[in-house]
């Protein structure tokens, strides 16, 4: 099946493009100062596309003021009123997120589609398992298939107005339902897919659910952009998204720190040691793997695939590179010597 792509202010989604990271502000959009500050933090963390809620005209007008101040692609999240979508398009939105079934009659949908078409803006059809149409539920129940049928039905509505610059999402709070729905949708359409597990919860459980749901799909080759949904500061979503993409081997954002679990052989505080290495490498963009191992058993041998690493011992530790021991250092100097080996002395 031919895979399609969309472009959001220069960021390509789909058809083999790098998986883009998205998040959504949780400030009141009409509070321009607070929203700009949060977008700044998101961009600094690595967010590549940001979505803003547009629940009323005040938010739609504020959208334009925010658009003037930032370069990141901005998506307007619209529900219930097609006029909000029209205002957001006029205000400079780079993409519209709608559900055509809840923003108005056919004429309202047609106006939104025409406004987006004139400006070359894509539309995401966002289907959530908890808010399916009654007619869909009557036919398919609250099932993954129901989400897929809803998404394809709404895409057909846009197609009826000669619009095909579309991205789809079918999110549920159930990880198995989400994964099944996306797999089915991937088989039935070539539209780019926006992945996520909705209402995933706190940073702890939301991270687990997102890693399982989004990660399993990405490993199957399903999905083109991701948003990790956490009941937390949205900046936290970016770190989790990066971790998922890096763990799946799809993108690299800096050093990959690996560490063995602690055990009775360990004679050092491996937890503190590993956290210190991560802290000192924070912000580095080097695509290297650094191992922090607890003892000689899990030292250069098991970490031989790492570019560099250290292994703790009694009073001193080993430094190794590409599986070979290259020196020793007292435990209190071990991380410092590792940073020197990496050329990262500035991080100390």
Protein backbone atom coordinates (compact mmCIF):
# COMPACT_ATOMS: atom_id res chain seq x y z
CA UNK A 1 0.00 0.00 0.00
CA UNK A 2 1.27 3.46 -0.89
CA UNK A 3 2.14 5.39 2.25
CA UNK A 4 1.20 9.05 2.27
CA UNK A 5 2.88 11.95 4.02
CA UNK A 6 1.90 15.37 5.29
CA UNK A 7 4.02 18.45 5.97
CA UNK A 8 3.55 20.68 9.02
CA UNK A 9 5.58 23.89 8.72
CA UNK A 10 8.49 22.04 7.17
CA UNK A 11 8.22 18.89 9.32
CA UNK A 12 7.32 15.84 7.24
CA UNK A 13 5.15 13.13 8.80
CA UNK A 14 4.84 9.72 7.16
CA UNK A 15 6.28 7.76 4.24
CA UNK A 16 9.57 7.00 5.96
CA UNK A 17 10.28 10.41 7.52
CA UNK A 18 11.81 10.39 11.04
CA UNK A 19 9.21 9.84 13.76
CA UNK A 20 8.34 13.32 15.02
CA UNK A 21 7.76 14.13 18.70
CA UNK A 22 4.65 16.06 19.69
CA UNK A 23 3.18 17.42 22.90
CA UNK A 24 0.30 19.66 23.94
CA UNK A 25 0.34 22.71 26.16
CA UNK A 26 -1.77 22.62 29.32
CA UNK A 27 -1.81 26.37 29.93
CA UNK A 28 -4.89 28.39 29.04
CA UNK A 29 -4.19 29.37 25.46
CA UNK A 30 -5.52 32.90 25.98
CA UNK A 31 -2.78 33.37 28.58
CA UNK A 32 -0.21 34.20 25.91
CA UNK A 33 2.68 34.77 28.31
CA UNK A 34 2.26 31.44 30.14
CA UNK A 35 1.70 29.52 26.91
CA UNK A 36 4.77 31.02 25.26
CA UNK A 37 6.85 30.15 28.31
CA UNK A 38 5.67 26.55 28.23
CA UNK A 39 6.26 26.22 24.49
CA UNK A 40 9.79 27.51 25.08
CA UNK A 41 10.40 24.77 27.64
CA UNK A 42 8.95 22.15 25.30
CA UNK A 43 11.16 23.25 22.43
CA UNK A 44 14.21 23.23 24.68
CA UNK A 45 13.34 19.66 25.72
CA UNK A 46 13.13 18.53 22.10
CA UNK A 47 9.45 18.90 21.15
CA UNK A 48 9.05 19.18 17.37
CA UNK A 49 5.31 19.88 17.03
CA UNK A 50 3.11 21.50 19.67
CA UNK A 51 -0.68 21.40 19.94
CA UNK A 52 -2.80 24.06 21.62
CA UNK A 53 -6.39 23.77 22.79
CA UNK A 54 -8.74 26.24 21.09
CA UNK A 55 -12.00 26.00 23.09
CA UNK A 56 -13.28 29.50 22.31
CA UNK A 57 -12.67 32.63 20.26
CA UNK A 58 -10.42 34.17 22.90
CA UNK A 59 -8.10 31.18 22.56
CA UNK A 60 -8.31 31.33 18.76
CA UNK A 61 -7.28 34.97 18.72
CA UNK A 62 -4.48 34.32 21.21
CA UNK A 63 -3.27 31.53 18.91
CA UNK A 64 -2.27 34.18 16.37
CA UNK A 65 -0.29 36.19 18.95
CA UNK A 66 1.56 33.04 19.98
CA UNK A 67 2.21 32.06 16.37
CA UNK A 68 4.05 35.34 15.83
CA UNK A 69 6.52 34.54 18.62
CA UNK A 70 7.55 30.93 17.92
CA UNK A 71 8.87 28.91 14.99
CA UNK A 72 7.77 25.42 16.06
CA UNK A 73 4.86 23.93 14.07
CA UNK A 74 1.60 24.69 15.92
CA UNK A 75 -1.55 22.56 15.78
CA UNK A 76 -4.97 23.93 16.73
CA UNK A 77 -7.11 21.42 18.65
CA UNK A 78 -10.75 22.04 17.75
CA UNK A 79 -14.01 20.56 19.02
CA UNK A 80 -17.69 21.40 18.57
CA UNK A 81 -17.49 24.61 16.51
CA UNK A 82 -16.14 24.86 12.96
CA UNK A 83 -15.81 28.63 13.35
CA UNK A 84 -13.00 28.11 15.85
CA UNK A 85 -11.14 26.11 13.21
CA UNK A 86 -11.63 28.91 10.66
CA UNK A 87 -10.33 31.48 13.15
CA UNK A 88 -7.32 29.30 14.00
CA UNK A 89 -6.48 28.86 10.33
CA UNK A 90 -6.63 32.64 9.87
CA UNK A 91 -4.46 33.06 12.97
CA UNK A 92 -1.65 31.00 11.46
CA UNK A 93 -2.23 27.39 12.53
CA UNK A 94 0.02 24.91 10.73
CA UNK A 95 -2.38 22.01 11.17
CA UNK A 96 -5.91 21.47 12.48
CA UNK A 97 -6.99 18.61 14.70
CA UNK A 98 -10.71 17.94 14.40
CA UNK A 99 -13.35 15.26 14.47
CA UNK A 100 -15.57 16.16 11.51
CA UNK A 101 -18.55 14.59 13.24
CA UNK A 102 -18.64 17.11 16.08
CA UNK A 103 -17.71 20.47 14.58
CA UNK A 104 -20.87 21.24 12.62
CA UNK A 105 -22.91 20.34 9.58
CA UNK A 106 -21.56 19.56 6.12
CA UNK A 107 -21.29 23.24 5.24
CA UNK A 108 -19.15 23.91 8.31
CA UNK A 109 -16.85 21.00 7.50
CA UNK A 110 -16.62 22.17 3.90
CA UNK A 111 -15.56 25.66 5.00
CA UNK A 112 -12.83 24.25 7.25
CA UNK A 113 -11.57 21.95 4.50
CA UNK A 114 -11.49 24.75 1.95
CA UNK A 115 -9.66 27.08 4.34
CA UNK A 116 -7.02 24.41 5.02
CA UNK A 117 -6.71 23.54 1.34
CA UNK A 118 -6.08 27.16 0.35
CA UNK A 119 -3.23 27.42 2.85
CA UNK A 120 -1.88 23.91 2.33
CA UNK A 121 -2.60 22.83 5.91
CA UNK A 122 -3.12 19.18 6.87
CA UNK A 123 -5.92 17.96 9.12
CA UNK A 124 -5.64 15.30 11.81
CA UNK A 125 -8.74 13.29 12.48
CA UNK A 126 -8.44 12.34 16.13
CA UNK A 127 -10.65 9.48 17.26
CA UNK A 128 -10.77 8.58 20.97
CA UNK A 129 -12.26 5.31 22.20
CA UNK A 130 -14.26 7.04 24.90
CA UNK A 131 -16.12 9.43 22.59
CA UNK A 132 -17.26 7.39 19.61
CA UNK A 133 -20.43 8.22 17.73
CA UNK A 134 -23.58 6.41 18.86
CA UNK A 135 -24.11 4.97 15.39
CA UNK A 136 -20.61 3.46 15.33
CA UNK A 137 -20.99 2.00 18.82
CA UNK A 138 -24.38 0.53 17.89
CA UNK A 139 -22.76 -1.33 14.98
CA UNK A 140 -19.36 -2.28 16.39
CA UNK A 141 -19.53 -1.77 20.14
CA UNK A 142 -16.72 -0.16 22.13
CA UNK A 143 -14.03 -2.02 20.20
CA UNK A 144 -10.81 -1.31 18.29
CA UNK A 145 -12.75 -1.91 15.08
CA UNK A 146 -15.18 0.84 16.07
CA UNK A 147 -12.32 3.33 16.34
CA UNK A 148 -10.98 2.30 12.95
CA UNK A 149 -14.38 2.56 11.30
CA UNK A 150 -14.91 5.99 12.85
CA UNK A 151 -11.54 7.27 11.59
CA UNK A 152 -12.12 5.98 8.06
CA UNK A 153 -15.67 7.35 8.04
CA UNK A 154 -14.43 10.82 8.95
CA UNK A 155 -11.62 10.62 6.40
CA UNK A 156 -14.26 9.83 3.78
CA UNK A 157 -16.11 13.00 4.79
CA UNK A 158 -13.01 15.07 4.03
CA UNK A 159 -12.44 13.11 0.81
CA UNK A 160 -15.95 14.07 -0.25
CA UNK A 161 -14.74 17.67 -0.28
CA UNK A 162 -11.65 16.71 -2.32
CA UNK A 163 -9.33 16.88 0.68
CA UNK A 164 -6.73 14.18 1.27
CA UNK A 165 -3.98 15.90 3.32
CA UNK A 166 -4.92 13.83 6.35
CA UNK A 167 -3.34 12.25 9.43
CA UNK A 168 -5.26 9.77 11.61
CA UNK A 169 -5.18 8.72 15.25
CA UNK A 170 -7.22 6.08 17.10
CA UNK A 171 -6.37 6.37 20.78
CA UNK A 172 -7.81 4.51 23.75
CA UNK A 173 -6.96 4.38 27.44
CA UNK A 174 -6.67 0.60 26.92
CA UNK A 175 -3.22 -0.32 25.63
CA UNK A 176 -4.36 -3.58 23.93
CA UNK A 177 -7.27 -1.79 22.23
CA UNK A 178 -5.01 1.02 21.08
CA UNK A 179 -2.43 -1.34 19.61
CA UNK A 180 -5.05 -3.47 17.87
CA UNK A 181 -6.80 -0.42 16.41
CA UNK A 182 -3.60 1.07 15.00
CA UNK A 183 -2.53 -2.24 13.50
CA UNK A 184 -5.88 -2.57 11.73
CA UNK A 185 -5.79 1.03 10.56
CA UNK A 186 -2.26 0.57 9.20
CA UNK A 187 -3.49 -2.35 7.11
CA UNK A 188 -6.48 -0.45 5.73
CA UNK A 189 -5.05 2.97 4.89
CA UNK A 190 -1.86 4.69 3.82
CA UNK A 191 -2.51 7.89 5.78
CA UNK A 192 0.17 8.88 8.32
CA UNK A 193 -0.67 7.70 11.83
CA UNK A 194 -0.30 9.79 14.97
CA UNK A 195 0.39 7.34 17.82
CA UNK A 196 -0.54 7.67 21.46
CA UNK A 197 -2.29 6.05 24.40
CA UNK A 198 -4.85 8.54 25.66
CA UNK A 199 -5.57 9.11 29.34
CA UNK A 200 -2.45 7.08 30.12
CA UNK A 201 -2.18 8.55 33.62
CA UNK A 202 0.66 9.72 35.83
CA UNK A 203 4.31 9.87 34.86
CA UNK A 204 4.88 6.38 36.28
CA UNK A 205 1.96 4.47 34.76
CA UNK A 206 1.69 6.73 31.71
CA UNK A 207 5.29 6.02 30.83
CA UNK A 208 4.75 2.28 31.11
CA UNK A 209 1.53 2.29 29.07
CA UNK A 210 3.03 4.55 26.39
CA UNK A 211 6.22 2.52 26.14
CA UNK A 212 4.25 -0.69 25.67
CA UNK A 213 1.64 0.73 23.31
CA UNK A 214 3.66 3.15 21.22
CA UNK A 215 6.82 1.07 21.38
CA UNK A 216 5.23 -2.16 20.19
CA UNK A 217 3.63 -0.37 17.25
CA UNK A 218 6.85 1.36 16.24
CA UNK A 219 8.72 -1.95 16.33
CA UNK A 220 6.09 -3.31 13.94
CA UNK A 221 6.70 -0.40 11.56
CA UNK A 222 3.39 1.25 12.46
CA UNK A 223 3.23 4.98 13.18
CA UNK A 224 4.72 8.24 11.95
CA UNK A 225 4.54 10.70 14.85
CA UNK A 226 3.99 10.25 18.59
CA UNK A 227 2.56 12.09 21.55
CA UNK A 228 3.07 10.61 25.01
CA UNK A 229 0.10 11.64 27.18
CA UNK A 230 0.99 12.14 30.84
CA UNK A 231 -0.91 13.69 33.73
CA UNK A 232 2.14 15.82 34.44
CA UNK A 233 4.13 18.72 33.09
CA UNK A 234 4.09 18.21 29.30
CA UNK A 235 7.85 18.68 29.23
CA UNK A 236 8.04 15.25 30.86
CA UNK A 237 6.29 13.80 27.80
CA UNK A 238 9.24 14.75 25.61
CA UNK A 239 11.77 12.84 27.69
CA UNK A 240 9.59 9.72 27.58
CA UNK A 241 9.01 10.05 23.84
CA UNK A 242 12.73 10.37 23.22
CA UNK A 243 13.36 7.33 25.38
CA UNK A 244 10.82 5.27 23.44
CA UNK A 245 12.26 6.25 20.07
CA UNK A 246 15.84 5.69 21.15
CA UNK A 247 15.03 2.35 22.78
CA UNK A 248 13.23 1.25 19.60
CA UNK A 249 16.34 2.08 17.59
CA UNK A 250 14.51 4.64 15.47
CA UNK A 251 16.23 7.87 16.53
CA UNK A 252 19.20 8.90 18.63
CA UNK A 253 19.18 11.95 20.85
CA UNK A 254 22.51 11.56 22.62
CA UNK A 255 24.42 9.00 24.64
CA UNK A 256 22.73 5.71 25.49
CA UNK A 257 23.65 4.86 29.08
CA UNK A 258 23.29 1.18 29.94
CA UNK A 259 23.79 -0.28 33.42
CA UNK A 260 23.51 -3.70 35.00
CA UNK A 261 21.05 -4.39 37.83
CA UNK A 262 22.61 -4.48 41.27
CA UNK A 263 23.30 -7.79 42.98
CA UNK A 264 25.17 -9.26 45.92
CA UNK A 265 28.52 -9.10 44.09
CA UNK A 266 28.32 -5.34 43.74
CA UNK A 267 30.68 -3.51 46.10
CA UNK A 268 29.84 0.03 44.98
CA UNK A 269 26.78 2.27 45.03
CA UNK A 270 25.90 1.56 41.42
CA UNK A 271 22.68 3.56 41.51
CA UNK A 272 24.48 6.76 42.51
CA UNK A 273 27.29 6.06 40.05
CA UNK A 274 24.92 5.56 37.12
CA UNK A 275 22.88 8.64 37.97
CA UNK A 276 26.08 10.69 38.08
CA UNK A 277 27.14 9.48 34.63
CA UNK A 278 23.68 10.31 33.23
CA UNK A 279 23.79 13.75 34.85
CA UNK A 280 27.18 14.59 33.38
CA UNK A 281 26.14 13.44 29.93
CA UNK A 282 22.90 15.41 30.02
CA UNK A 283 22.74 17.67 26.98
CA UNK A 284 25.40 15.79 25.04
CA UNK A 285 24.38 15.01 21.46
CA UNK A 286 27.00 12.32 20.87
CA UNK A 287 25.51 9.06 19.61
CA UNK A 288 27.54 6.70 21.77
CA UNK A 289 26.72 3.91 24.21
CA UNK A 290 28.22 4.24 27.70
CA UNK A 291 28.11 1.30 30.12
CA UNK A 292 28.13 1.54 33.90
CA UNK A 293 28.67 -1.94 35.34
CA UNK A 294 28.69 -3.11 38.93
CA UNK A 295 31.57 -5.56 38.95
CA UNK A 296 34.13 -7.39 36.83
CA UNK A 297 31.60 -10.11 35.98
CA UNK A 298 29.43 -7.56 34.18
CA UNK A 299 32.34 -5.43 33.09
CA UNK A 300 33.99 -5.27 29.68
CA UNK A 301 32.71 -8.72 28.70
CA UNK A 302 28.95 -8.22 28.90
CA UNK A 303 29.30 -4.56 27.91
CA UNK A 304 31.61 -5.22 24.97
CA UNK A 305 29.15 -3.61 22.56
CA UNK A 306 29.41 -0.31 24.43
CA UNK A 307 31.71 2.37 23.08
CA UNK A 308 33.00 3.25 26.54
CA UNK A 309 32.33 2.17 30.08
CA UNK A 310 33.33 1.69 33.65
CA UNK A 311 33.07 -1.30 36.01
CA UNK A 312 33.16 -0.98 39.77
CA UNK A 313 35.39 -2.94 42.11
CA UNK A 314 36.65 -2.83 45.68
CA UNK A 315 38.18 0.61 46.09
CA UNK A 316 38.82 1.05 42.38
CA UNK A 317 37.20 0.49 39.04
CA UNK A 318 38.02 -0.37 35.46
CA UNK A 319 37.74 1.89 32.42
CA UNK A 320 37.14 0.18 29.11
CA UNK A 321 36.53 1.03 25.47
CA UNK A 322 35.01 -1.26 22.85
CA UNK A 323 35.24 -4.26 25.14
CA UNK A 324 38.88 -3.82 26.15
CA UNK A 325 40.18 -2.66 29.51
CA UNK A 326 42.28 0.48 29.13
CA UNK A 327 42.92 1.54 32.70
CA UNK A 328 41.95 1.73 36.35
CA UNK A 329 40.98 4.57 38.67
CA UNK A 330 40.07 5.03 42.35
CA UNK A 331 36.32 4.88 42.85
CA UNK A 332 36.13 8.55 43.83
CA UNK A 333 37.76 9.47 40.49
CA UNK A 334 36.14 6.86 38.27
CA UNK A 335 33.45 9.07 36.74
CA UNK A 336 35.92 11.93 36.27
CA UNK A 337 38.26 9.62 34.39
CA UNK A 338 35.38 8.35 32.27
CA UNK A 339 34.49 11.92 31.32
CA UNK A 340 38.10 12.55 30.34
CA UNK A 341 38.03 9.43 28.22
CA UNK A 342 34.89 10.71 26.51
CA UNK A 343 36.29 14.20 26.11
CA UNK A 344 33.42 15.49 28.28
CA UNK A 345 35.46 17.16 31.04
CA UNK A 346 33.32 20.26 30.63
CA UNK A 347 30.37 18.30 32.04
CA UNK A 348 31.99 17.78 35.42
